[in-house]
């Protein structure tokens, strides 16, 4: 379930001009327009392999931003929750989940729309319900994938709901606005545009 090569080439061409966010959005709209039936995962093979090596069959995992990651990584965990703000994309991913009996038993996808009109960069007030869903779920997660809206806010909000050895995957971490998360998290490794993080041990400070 990879993004079509033509789209990948377009993204790569424009990314150096700082238009990656815009092109990601245009890519998804392009797929909707042409009714592209596959659920795509906009990650490199190296990024996918990196995440996969940390996953255990006993893990509970939450992600912000549904898609190919939901279908792929959930198969390698015990229980998986995906948060998605787009109703159209939510329905498409849900349909794909429902086609796989094993996934239906362990994957929960929630459509949480924005509270206000969306802007760029995202503001907390626009996605309060989306960000704070972890409070309602009230669960300690083993793994977290942040690849959706309001990523900095999601990264901060999930902190109380992590275990000591929890792993956080932050996609597109090279964006300067995400640097504030390193106040709370330590970088384990990075692969392409994926950062693998863990909580900073406060006892060592």
Protein backbone atom coordinates (compact mmCIF):
# COMPACT_ATOMS: atom_id res chain seq x y z
CA UNK A 1 0.00 0.00 0.00
CA UNK A 2 2.47 2.58 -1.19
CA UNK A 3 1.76 5.99 -2.61
CA UNK A 4 1.91 5.97 -6.43
CA UNK A 5 5.40 6.68 -7.78
CA UNK A 6 4.21 9.68 -9.80
CA UNK A 7 2.92 11.36 -6.61
CA UNK A 8 6.12 10.51 -4.73
CA UNK A 9 8.19 12.21 -7.42
CA UNK A 10 6.06 15.35 -7.16
CA UNK A 11 6.44 15.44 -3.38
CA UNK A 12 10.20 15.00 -3.57
CA UNK A 13 10.53 17.75 -6.18
CA UNK A 14 8.67 20.34 -4.13
CA UNK A 15 9.77 19.38 -0.65
CA UNK A 16 13.07 21.26 -0.90
CA UNK A 17 11.09 24.47 -1.28
CA UNK A 18 9.32 23.94 2.05
CA UNK A 19 6.01 22.87 0.55
CA UNK A 20 5.87 19.33 1.95
CA UNK A 21 2.81 19.96 4.13
CA UNK A 22 0.89 21.52 1.25
CA UNK A 23 1.89 18.78 -1.17
CA UNK A 24 0.86 16.05 1.28
CA UNK A 25 -2.56 17.63 1.44
CA UNK A 26 -2.77 18.00 -2.35
CA UNK A 27 -1.74 14.36 -2.73
CA UNK A 28 -4.61 13.13 -0.59
CA UNK A 29 -7.08 15.36 -2.45
CA UNK A 30 -5.70 14.03 -5.74
CA UNK A 31 -6.35 10.47 -4.60
CA UNK A 32 -9.89 11.36 -3.53
CA UNK A 33 -10.60 13.06 -6.87
CA UNK A 34 -9.57 10.05 -8.90
CA UNK A 35 -11.18 7.65 -6.40
CA UNK A 36 -7.89 5.86 -5.79
CA UNK A 37 -9.01 2.80 -3.83
CA UNK A 38 -5.84 1.90 -1.96
CA UNK A 39 -5.12 3.31 1.48
CA UNK A 40 -1.69 4.88 1.12
CA UNK A 41 1.08 5.20 3.67
CA UNK A 42 3.23 8.26 3.01
CA UNK A 43 6.38 6.80 4.57
CA UNK A 44 9.59 5.43 3.17
CA UNK A 45 10.40 1.74 3.43
CA UNK A 46 13.17 2.57 5.89
CA UNK A 47 10.74 4.46 8.10
CA UNK A 48 8.25 1.60 8.05
CA UNK A 49 10.95 -0.93 8.92
CA UNK A 50 12.20 1.28 11.74
CA UNK A 51 8.78 1.46 13.41
CA UNK A 52 8.12 -2.21 12.85
CA UNK A 53 11.25 -3.33 14.67
CA UNK A 54 10.02 -1.66 17.89
CA UNK A 55 6.55 -3.19 17.82
CA UNK A 56 5.56 -6.20 19.93
CA UNK A 57 2.47 -8.38 19.67
CA UNK A 58 1.61 -7.40 23.28
CA UNK A 59 1.67 -3.65 22.57
CA UNK A 60 -1.23 -1.25 22.81
CA UNK A 61 -0.75 1.61 20.37
CA UNK A 62 -2.39 4.93 19.57
CA UNK A 63 -1.86 7.05 16.49
CA UNK A 64 -2.95 10.47 15.36
CA UNK A 65 -3.51 10.36 11.60
CA UNK A 66 -5.17 7.25 10.12
CA UNK A 67 -4.19 5.60 6.85
CA UNK A 68 -1.90 2.89 5.61
CA UNK A 69 -0.14 2.95 8.97
CA UNK A 70 -3.39 1.90 10.67
CA UNK A 71 -3.80 -1.16 8.48
CA UNK A 72 -0.13 -2.15 8.57
CA UNK A 73 1.08 -1.52 12.12
CA UNK A 74 -2.11 -2.71 13.83
CA UNK A 75 -1.38 -6.22 12.57
CA UNK A 76 1.77 -6.18 14.68
CA UNK A 77 0.16 -5.06 17.96
CA UNK A 78 -2.44 -6.30 20.45
CA UNK A 79 -4.77 -3.30 20.37
CA UNK A 80 -4.71 -0.20 18.18
CA UNK A 81 -6.54 3.14 18.34
CA UNK A 82 -6.41 5.60 15.45
CA UNK A 83 -7.57 9.22 15.60
CA UNK A 84 -8.59 10.92 12.36
CA UNK A 85 -10.08 14.38 11.75
CA UNK A 86 -11.17 13.94 8.11
CA UNK A 87 -14.57 12.24 7.85
CA UNK A 88 -13.96 11.22 4.25
CA UNK A 89 -10.61 9.60 5.05
CA UNK A 90 -12.01 8.05 8.25
CA UNK A 91 -14.76 6.30 6.27
CA UNK A 92 -12.27 5.01 3.73
CA UNK A 93 -9.93 3.57 6.36
CA UNK A 94 -12.86 2.13 8.35
CA UNK A 95 -14.12 0.39 5.23
CA UNK A 96 -10.69 -1.18 4.73
CA UNK A 97 -10.58 -2.31 8.37
CA UNK A 98 -14.01 -3.90 8.13
CA UNK A 99 -12.81 -6.03 5.23
CA UNK A 100 -10.29 -7.74 7.52
CA UNK A 101 -11.94 -9.74 10.35
CA UNK A 102 -8.78 -9.84 12.47
CA UNK A 103 -8.43 -6.06 12.38
CA UNK A 104 -12.08 -5.48 13.29
CA UNK A 105 -11.41 -7.21 16.61
CA UNK A 106 -8.52 -5.02 17.72
CA UNK A 107 -8.62 -1.71 15.84
CA UNK A 108 -10.70 1.28 16.91
CA UNK A 109 -10.74 4.30 14.60
CA UNK A 110 -12.29 7.52 15.86
CA UNK A 111 -13.37 10.44 13.71
CA UNK A 112 -12.87 13.62 15.74
CA UNK A 113 -13.47 16.73 13.70
CA UNK A 114 -11.85 20.10 14.36
CA UNK A 115 -13.43 22.51 16.86
CA UNK A 116 -12.74 25.54 14.69
CA UNK A 117 -11.80 26.39 11.12
CA UNK A 118 -8.38 24.92 10.33
CA UNK A 119 -5.28 27.03 9.81
CA UNK A 120 -1.60 26.43 9.19
CA UNK A 121 0.20 25.90 11.43
CA UNK A 122 -2.46 24.20 13.54
CA UNK A 123 -3.63 25.88 16.73
CA UNK A 124 -4.57 23.97 19.85
CA UNK A 125 -8.01 25.59 19.97
CA UNK A 126 -8.82 24.13 16.55
CA UNK A 127 -8.24 20.55 17.66
CA UNK A 128 -9.00 20.43 21.40
CA UNK A 129 -11.17 17.31 21.21
CA UNK A 130 -8.75 15.64 18.81
CA UNK A 131 -5.77 16.37 21.05
CA UNK A 132 -7.43 15.60 24.38
CA UNK A 133 -8.97 12.28 23.37
CA UNK A 134 -6.18 10.58 25.34
CA UNK A 135 -7.74 11.90 28.54
CA UNK A 136 -11.03 10.16 27.77
CA UNK A 137 -9.30 6.95 26.76
CA UNK A 138 -7.23 7.11 29.98
CA UNK A 139 -4.84 4.32 29.02
CA UNK A 140 -1.09 3.85 29.34
CA UNK A 141 0.20 3.25 25.80
CA UNK A 142 3.23 1.20 24.80
CA UNK A 143 3.68 2.86 21.42
CA UNK A 144 2.50 6.16 19.93
CA UNK A 145 2.58 7.32 16.30
CA UNK A 146 2.12 11.07 15.79
CA UNK A 147 1.47 11.70 12.11
CA UNK A 148 -1.69 13.81 11.99
CA UNK A 149 -2.87 17.26 13.05
CA UNK A 150 -1.48 19.46 15.85
CA UNK A 151 1.49 17.14 16.38
CA UNK A 152 3.29 19.19 19.02
CA UNK A 153 0.12 19.45 21.10
CA UNK A 154 -0.56 15.73 20.74
CA UNK A 155 3.00 14.94 21.78
CA UNK A 156 2.63 17.00 24.94
CA UNK A 157 -0.86 15.75 25.75
CA UNK A 158 0.05 12.07 25.61
CA UNK A 159 2.89 12.36 28.14
CA UNK A 160 0.86 11.38 31.25
CA UNK A 161 -0.42 8.34 29.38
CA UNK A 162 2.94 6.77 28.65
CA UNK A 163 4.85 4.04 30.43
CA UNK A 164 8.51 4.41 31.38
CA UNK A 165 9.58 2.40 28.35
CA UNK A 166 6.99 3.72 25.89
CA UNK A 167 8.20 4.64 22.41
CA UNK A 168 6.91 7.62 20.41
CA UNK A 169 7.24 7.83 16.63
CA UNK A 170 7.11 11.37 15.26
CA UNK A 171 6.83 11.67 11.49
CA UNK A 172 8.22 14.68 9.60
CA UNK A 173 10.19 15.62 12.70
CA UNK A 174 12.57 17.79 10.64
CA UNK A 175 10.03 20.63 10.75
CA UNK A 176 11.44 23.28 13.08
CA UNK A 177 8.13 23.78 14.90
CA UNK A 178 8.44 20.28 16.38
CA UNK A 179 11.69 21.08 18.20
CA UNK A 180 9.80 22.03 21.38
CA UNK A 181 8.97 18.36 21.92
CA UNK A 182 12.61 17.65 22.68
CA UNK A 183 12.06 19.39 25.99
CA UNK A 184 10.12 16.29 27.04
CA UNK A 185 11.51 13.54 24.84
CA UNK A 186 14.92 12.11 24.08
CA UNK A 187 15.85 11.06 20.55
CA UNK A 188 16.65 7.35 20.29
CA UNK A 189 17.24 7.35 16.55
CA UNK A 190 16.04 8.96 13.34
CA UNK A 191 15.46 7.46 9.91
CA UNK A 192 14.71 9.74 6.97
CA UNK A 193 11.90 11.95 8.36
CA UNK A 194 10.97 9.72 11.29
CA UNK A 195 12.11 10.36 14.86
CA UNK A 196 11.98 7.61 17.48
CA UNK A 197 11.59 9.15 20.93
CA UNK A 198 11.33 8.20 24.59
CA UNK A 199 10.50 10.17 27.70
CA UNK A 200 13.40 12.03 29.27
CA UNK A 201 14.31 10.42 32.59
CA UNK A 202 13.63 13.25 35.03
CA UNK A 203 15.71 11.52 37.72
CA UNK A 204 18.87 12.16 35.70
CA UNK A 205 18.21 15.94 35.61
